[in-house]
């Protein structure tokens, strides 16, 4: 779960070739080493093929080098606003055989947020 720091000091997740103010990327920061606070959340009960239902999702905010860095992702269980979570790696965020794309054409792993 890599964020990008730019030469002007800004940090974004996900990273981009150019920072929000035109800065050049200079460093990657692994957000999986940090905890975050839930800003807001929702639960989807009508999920796409291959995605578990219900699917709990949250926007979380990390504090990295004194800056807020937000991310959105699935949660391991229901969460509440203000709750502290940590990213946990999972092999499959959805079922590779479901859907219309060839499973080999995509990456299926990633991170979910787990309450601390």
N, C-alpha and C. Protein backbone atom coordinates (compact mmCIF):
# COMPACT_ATOMS: atom_id res chain seq x y z
N UNK A 1 0.86 -1.16 0.00
CA UNK A 1 0.00 0.00 0.00
C UNK A 1 0.91 1.23 0.00
N UNK A 2 1.35 1.59 -1.20
CA UNK A 2 2.39 2.61 -1.34
C UNK A 2 1.82 3.99 -1.65
N UNK A 3 2.17 4.95 -0.79
CA UNK A 3 1.89 6.36 -1.04
C UNK A 3 3.14 6.96 -1.68
N UNK A 4 2.99 8.12 -2.28
CA UNK A 4 4.12 8.79 -2.92
C UNK A 4 4.34 10.15 -2.30
N UNK A 5 5.61 10.43 -1.98
CA UNK A 5 6.00 11.76 -1.51
C UNK A 5 6.66 12.48 -2.68
N UNK A 6 6.34 13.78 -2.82
CA UNK A 6 6.84 14.59 -3.91
C UNK A 6 7.87 15.60 -3.39
N UNK A 7 8.65 16.17 -4.32
CA UNK A 7 9.72 17.08 -3.91
C UNK A 7 9.22 18.35 -3.22
N UNK A 8 7.93 18.65 -3.35
CA UNK A 8 7.38 19.81 -2.63
C UNK A 8 6.84 19.43 -1.25
N UNK A 9 7.01 18.15 -0.86
CA UNK A 9 6.61 17.70 0.47
C UNK A 9 5.23 17.09 0.56
N UNK A 10 4.42 17.20 -0.50
CA UNK A 10 3.09 16.61 -0.45
C UNK A 10 3.17 15.09 -0.56
N UNK A 11 2.16 14.42 -0.02
CA UNK A 11 2.08 12.96 -0.05
C UNK A 11 0.69 12.58 -0.54
N UNK A 12 0.62 11.66 -1.51
CA UNK A 12 -0.69 11.22 -2.01
C UNK A 12 -0.75 9.69 -2.06
N UNK A 13 -1.97 9.21 -1.97
CA UNK A 13 -2.25 7.80 -2.20
C UNK A 13 -3.49 7.75 -3.08
N UNK A 14 -3.43 7.04 -4.20
CA UNK A 14 -2.24 6.42 -4.76
C UNK A 14 -1.30 7.49 -5.32
N UNK A 15 -0.09 7.06 -5.65
CA UNK A 15 0.88 7.98 -6.22
C UNK A 15 0.58 8.26 -7.68
N UNK A 16 1.13 9.35 -8.19
CA UNK A 16 0.97 9.76 -9.58
C UNK A 16 2.31 10.22 -10.12
N UNK A 17 2.47 10.29 -11.44
CA UNK A 17 3.74 10.75 -12.01
C UNK A 17 4.09 12.19 -11.65
N UNK A 18 3.04 13.00 -11.36
CA UNK A 18 3.24 14.40 -10.99
C UNK A 18 2.36 14.67 -9.77
N UNK A 19 2.90 15.37 -8.78
CA UNK A 19 2.15 15.68 -7.57
C UNK A 19 1.07 16.71 -7.79
N UNK A 20 0.22 16.94 -6.78
CA UNK A 20 -0.90 17.88 -6.90
C UNK A 20 -0.47 19.30 -7.29
N UNK A 21 0.72 19.71 -6.85
CA UNK A 21 1.21 21.05 -7.17
C UNK A 21 2.33 21.01 -8.20
N UNK A 22 2.42 19.91 -8.96
CA UNK A 22 3.41 19.79 -10.01
C UNK A 22 4.74 19.19 -9.57
N UNK A 23 4.81 18.71 -8.33
CA UNK A 23 6.04 18.15 -7.80
C UNK A 23 6.41 16.81 -8.42
N UNK A 24 7.70 16.51 -8.40
CA UNK A 24 8.23 15.23 -8.89
C UNK A 24 8.22 14.21 -7.76
N UNK A 25 7.88 12.94 -8.05
CA UNK A 25 7.95 11.91 -7.01
C UNK A 25 9.40 11.70 -6.56
N UNK A 26 9.58 11.58 -5.23
CA UNK A 26 10.94 11.37 -4.72
C UNK A 26 11.04 10.16 -3.80
N UNK A 27 9.89 9.67 -3.29
CA UNK A 27 9.96 8.59 -2.31
C UNK A 27 8.62 7.88 -2.23
N UNK A 28 8.67 6.57 -1.96
CA UNK A 28 7.46 5.80 -1.67
C UNK A 28 7.38 5.58 -0.16
N UNK A 29 6.17 5.66 0.36
CA UNK A 29 5.93 5.44 1.78
C UNK A 29 4.93 4.31 1.91
N UNK A 30 5.28 3.28 2.69
CA UNK A 30 4.43 2.11 2.85
C UNK A 30 3.38 2.39 3.93
N UNK A 31 2.13 2.64 3.50
CA UNK A 31 1.06 2.95 4.44
C UNK A 31 0.67 1.75 5.31
N UNK A 32 1.05 0.53 4.91
CA UNK A 32 0.69 -0.63 5.71
C UNK A 32 1.42 -0.65 7.05
N UNK A 33 2.39 0.24 7.23
CA UNK A 33 3.11 0.35 8.49
C UNK A 33 2.44 1.35 9.45
N UNK A 34 1.35 1.98 9.02
CA UNK A 34 0.66 3.01 9.80
C UNK A 34 -0.75 2.55 10.17
N UNK A 35 -1.32 3.20 11.16
CA UNK A 35 -2.75 3.06 11.43
C UNK A 35 -3.45 4.29 10.87
N UNK A 36 -4.77 4.20 10.74
CA UNK A 36 -5.55 5.29 10.18
C UNK A 36 -6.84 5.44 10.98
N UNK A 37 -7.53 6.54 10.76
CA UNK A 37 -8.82 6.78 11.40
C UNK A 37 -9.91 6.78 10.35
N UNK A 38 -11.03 6.12 10.65
CA UNK A 38 -12.15 6.06 9.72
C UNK A 38 -12.80 7.44 9.64
N UNK A 39 -12.87 7.99 8.43
CA UNK A 39 -13.51 9.28 8.19
C UNK A 39 -15.00 9.08 7.92
N UNK A 40 -15.31 8.09 7.09
CA UNK A 40 -16.69 7.72 6.79
C UNK A 40 -16.70 6.30 6.25
N UNK A 41 -17.87 5.70 6.19
CA UNK A 41 -17.96 4.31 5.74
C UNK A 41 -19.32 4.07 5.12
N UNK A 42 -19.43 2.94 4.44
CA UNK A 42 -20.71 2.49 3.90
C UNK A 42 -20.65 0.98 3.75
N UNK A 43 -21.81 0.38 3.57
CA UNK A 43 -21.88 -1.05 3.30
C UNK A 43 -22.66 -1.25 2.01
N UNK A 44 -22.05 -1.93 1.06
CA UNK A 44 -22.70 -2.25 -0.20
C UNK A 44 -23.28 -3.65 -0.11
N UNK A 45 -24.57 -3.77 -0.41
CA UNK A 45 -25.21 -5.09 -0.41
C UNK A 45 -25.45 -5.60 -1.83
N UNK A 46 -25.33 -4.71 -2.81
CA UNK A 46 -25.47 -5.09 -4.22
C UNK A 46 -24.10 -4.95 -4.86
N UNK A 47 -23.29 -5.97 -4.72
CA UNK A 47 -21.90 -5.90 -5.15
C UNK A 47 -21.71 -6.47 -6.56
N UNK A 48 -20.63 -6.09 -7.23
CA UNK A 48 -20.32 -6.67 -8.54
C UNK A 48 -20.02 -8.16 -8.42
N UNK A 49 -20.04 -8.86 -9.54
CA UNK A 49 -19.71 -10.28 -9.55
C UNK A 49 -18.36 -10.52 -8.90
N UNK A 50 -18.30 -11.49 -8.02
CA UNK A 50 -17.04 -11.86 -7.39
C UNK A 50 -16.67 -11.08 -6.16
N UNK A 51 -17.44 -10.05 -5.81
CA UNK A 51 -17.16 -9.26 -4.61
C UNK A 51 -18.12 -9.71 -3.52
N UNK A 52 -17.57 -9.96 -2.34
CA UNK A 52 -18.39 -10.46 -1.24
C UNK A 52 -19.50 -9.47 -0.88
N UNK A 53 -20.58 -10.01 -0.41
CA UNK A 53 -21.71 -9.19 0.04
C UNK A 53 -22.10 -9.66 1.43
N UNK A 54 -22.31 -8.77 2.36
CA UNK A 54 -22.14 -7.32 2.20
C UNK A 54 -20.66 -6.95 2.14
N UNK A 55 -20.38 -5.85 1.47
CA UNK A 55 -19.01 -5.37 1.32
C UNK A 55 -18.88 -4.05 2.08
N UNK A 56 -18.14 -4.09 3.17
CA UNK A 56 -17.95 -2.90 4.01
C UNK A 56 -16.78 -2.09 3.45
N UNK A 57 -17.00 -0.80 3.24
CA UNK A 57 -16.00 0.10 2.66
C UNK A 57 -15.81 1.30 3.56
N UNK A 58 -14.60 1.86 3.57
CA UNK A 58 -14.34 3.05 4.38
C UNK A 58 -13.36 3.97 3.68
N UNK A 59 -13.52 5.25 3.94
CA UNK A 59 -12.49 6.23 3.64
C UNK A 59 -11.77 6.45 4.96
N UNK A 60 -10.45 6.28 4.93
CA UNK A 60 -9.65 6.41 6.14
C UNK A 60 -8.60 7.49 5.93
N UNK A 61 -8.11 8.02 7.05
CA UNK A 61 -7.08 9.05 6.98
C UNK A 61 -5.88 8.65 7.81
N UNK A 62 -4.74 8.57 7.14
CA UNK A 62 -3.46 8.30 7.79
C UNK A 62 -2.81 9.64 8.14
N UNK A 63 -2.02 9.66 9.18
CA UNK A 63 -1.19 10.81 9.51
C UNK A 63 0.25 10.41 9.17
N UNK A 64 0.80 11.01 8.12
CA UNK A 64 2.13 10.65 7.64
C UNK A 64 2.98 11.92 7.57
N UNK A 65 4.03 11.94 8.36
CA UNK A 65 4.93 13.10 8.40
C UNK A 65 4.15 14.39 8.60
N UNK A 66 3.15 14.34 9.48
CA UNK A 66 2.36 15.52 9.80
C UNK A 66 1.31 15.89 8.78
N UNK A 67 1.11 15.05 7.77
CA UNK A 67 0.13 15.34 6.72
C UNK A 67 -0.98 14.29 6.70
N UNK A 68 -2.21 14.71 6.43
CA UNK A 68 -3.28 13.74 6.25
C UNK A 68 -3.19 13.10 4.87
N UNK A 69 -3.29 11.77 4.82
CA UNK A 69 -3.29 11.02 3.56
C UNK A 69 -4.50 10.11 3.59
N UNK A 70 -5.42 10.31 2.67
CA UNK A 70 -6.66 9.52 2.65
C UNK A 70 -6.61 8.38 1.65
N UNK A 71 -7.33 7.31 2.01
CA UNK A 71 -7.44 6.14 1.14
C UNK A 71 -8.85 5.57 1.30
N UNK A 72 -9.30 4.86 0.29
CA UNK A 72 -10.58 4.18 0.34
C UNK A 72 -10.32 2.69 0.13
N UNK A 73 -11.08 1.86 0.83
CA UNK A 73 -10.91 0.43 0.64
C UNK A 73 -11.92 -0.39 1.40
N UNK A 74 -11.86 -1.69 1.17
CA UNK A 74 -12.72 -2.64 1.86
C UNK A 74 -12.29 -2.76 3.32
N UNK A 75 -13.22 -3.17 4.16
CA UNK A 75 -12.93 -3.42 5.58
C UNK A 75 -13.16 -4.90 5.88
N UNK A 76 -12.45 -5.41 6.87
CA UNK A 76 -12.61 -6.80 7.25
C UNK A 76 -13.93 -7.05 7.97
N UNK A 77 -14.50 -5.98 8.54
CA UNK A 77 -15.77 -6.06 9.27
C UNK A 77 -16.36 -4.65 9.33
N UNK A 78 -17.59 -4.51 9.80
CA UNK A 78 -18.16 -3.16 9.91
C UNK A 78 -17.30 -2.27 10.82
N UNK A 79 -17.22 -0.98 10.49
CA UNK A 79 -16.44 -0.02 11.26
C UNK A 79 -17.31 1.18 11.61
N UNK A 80 -16.77 2.07 12.44
CA UNK A 80 -17.48 3.28 12.83
C UNK A 80 -16.59 4.50 12.58
N UNK A 81 -17.21 5.65 12.38
CA UNK A 81 -16.46 6.89 12.21
C UNK A 81 -15.60 7.11 13.46
N UNK A 82 -14.35 7.48 13.24
CA UNK A 82 -13.42 7.73 14.33
C UNK A 82 -12.65 6.51 14.80
N UNK A 83 -13.04 5.34 14.34
CA UNK A 83 -12.37 4.11 14.75
C UNK A 83 -10.97 4.03 14.12
N UNK A 84 -10.03 3.45 14.87
CA UNK A 84 -8.68 3.25 14.36
C UNK A 84 -8.61 1.90 13.65
N UNK A 85 -8.02 1.92 12.45
CA UNK A 85 -7.88 0.70 11.64
C UNK A 85 -6.45 0.60 11.14
N UNK A 86 -6.09 -0.60 10.69
CA UNK A 86 -4.79 -0.81 10.07
C UNK A 86 -4.99 -1.58 8.78
N UNK A 87 -4.14 -1.36 7.79
CA UNK A 87 -4.24 -2.13 6.55
C UNK A 87 -3.72 -3.54 6.77
N UNK A 88 -4.45 -4.52 6.24
CA UNK A 88 -4.00 -5.91 6.28
C UNK A 88 -4.04 -6.46 4.86
N UNK A 89 -2.98 -7.16 4.48
CA UNK A 89 -2.85 -7.69 3.13
C UNK A 89 -3.75 -8.92 2.96
N UNK A 90 -4.41 -9.00 1.79
CA UNK A 90 -5.20 -10.18 1.43
C UNK A 90 -4.83 -10.60 0.00
N UNK A 91 -4.85 -11.91 -0.24
CA UNK A 91 -4.50 -12.44 -1.55
C UNK A 91 -5.53 -12.11 -2.63
N UNK A 92 -6.82 -12.10 -2.22
CA UNK A 92 -7.88 -11.86 -3.20
C UNK A 92 -8.92 -10.90 -2.63
N UNK A 93 -9.05 -9.72 -3.25
CA UNK A 93 -10.10 -8.78 -2.86
C UNK A 93 -11.43 -9.15 -3.52
N UNK A 94 -11.36 -9.95 -4.56
CA UNK A 94 -12.56 -10.46 -5.23
C UNK A 94 -12.21 -11.78 -5.90
N UNK A 95 -13.23 -12.51 -6.30
CA UNK A 95 -13.05 -13.83 -6.92
C UNK A 95 -12.53 -13.66 -8.35
N UNK A 96 -11.31 -14.15 -8.65
CA UNK A 96 -10.73 -13.97 -9.98
C UNK A 96 -11.55 -14.58 -11.12
N UNK A 97 -12.27 -15.67 -10.88
CA UNK A 97 -13.03 -16.33 -11.93
C UNK A 97 -14.35 -15.65 -12.28
N UNK A 98 -14.79 -14.72 -11.45
CA UNK A 98 -16.06 -14.04 -11.70
C UNK A 98 -15.81 -12.79 -12.54
N UNK A 99 -16.79 -12.39 -13.28
CA UNK A 99 -16.66 -11.19 -14.09
C UNK A 99 -16.32 -11.51 -15.53
N UNK A 100 -16.12 -10.46 -16.32
CA UNK A 100 -15.92 -10.64 -17.75
C UNK A 100 -14.47 -10.59 -18.19
N UNK A 101 -13.56 -10.15 -17.34
CA UNK A 101 -12.15 -10.06 -17.71
C UNK A 101 -11.43 -11.37 -17.44
N UNK A 102 -10.38 -11.62 -18.21
CA UNK A 102 -9.53 -12.78 -17.98
C UNK A 102 -8.82 -12.60 -16.64
N UNK A 103 -8.85 -13.61 -15.77
CA UNK A 103 -8.21 -13.48 -14.46
C UNK A 103 -6.73 -13.07 -14.54
N UNK A 104 -6.02 -13.53 -15.57
CA UNK A 104 -4.60 -13.22 -15.70
C UNK A 104 -4.35 -11.75 -16.06
N UNK A 105 -5.38 -11.04 -16.49
CA UNK A 105 -5.20 -9.67 -16.93
C UNK A 105 -5.24 -8.66 -15.79
N UNK A 106 -5.48 -9.12 -14.56
CA UNK A 106 -5.62 -8.20 -13.44
C UNK A 106 -4.87 -8.71 -12.22
N UNK A 107 -4.63 -7.80 -11.28
CA UNK A 107 -4.10 -8.19 -9.98
C UNK A 107 -5.28 -8.28 -9.02
N UNK A 108 -5.27 -9.28 -8.16
CA UNK A 108 -6.42 -9.54 -7.30
C UNK A 108 -6.13 -9.28 -5.83
N UNK A 109 -4.85 -9.08 -5.50
CA UNK A 109 -4.50 -8.87 -4.11
C UNK A 109 -4.60 -7.40 -3.75
N UNK A 110 -4.46 -7.13 -2.46
CA UNK A 110 -4.53 -5.75 -2.00
C UNK A 110 -4.67 -5.70 -0.49
N UNK A 111 -5.24 -4.62 -0.01
CA UNK A 111 -5.38 -4.40 1.43
C UNK A 111 -6.83 -4.14 1.81
N UNK A 112 -7.19 -4.63 2.98
CA UNK A 112 -8.45 -4.29 3.64
C UNK A 112 -8.10 -3.60 4.94
N UNK A 113 -9.03 -2.82 5.47
CA UNK A 113 -8.82 -2.16 6.74
C UNK A 113 -9.44 -2.97 7.85
N UNK A 114 -8.65 -3.21 8.90
CA UNK A 114 -9.07 -4.02 10.04
C UNK A 114 -9.04 -3.15 11.30
N UNK A 115 -10.12 -3.20 12.11
CA UNK A 115 -10.10 -2.43 13.36
C UNK A 115 -8.94 -2.86 14.25
N UNK A 116 -8.33 -1.89 14.90
CA UNK A 116 -7.21 -2.16 15.81
C UNK A 116 -7.75 -2.50 17.18
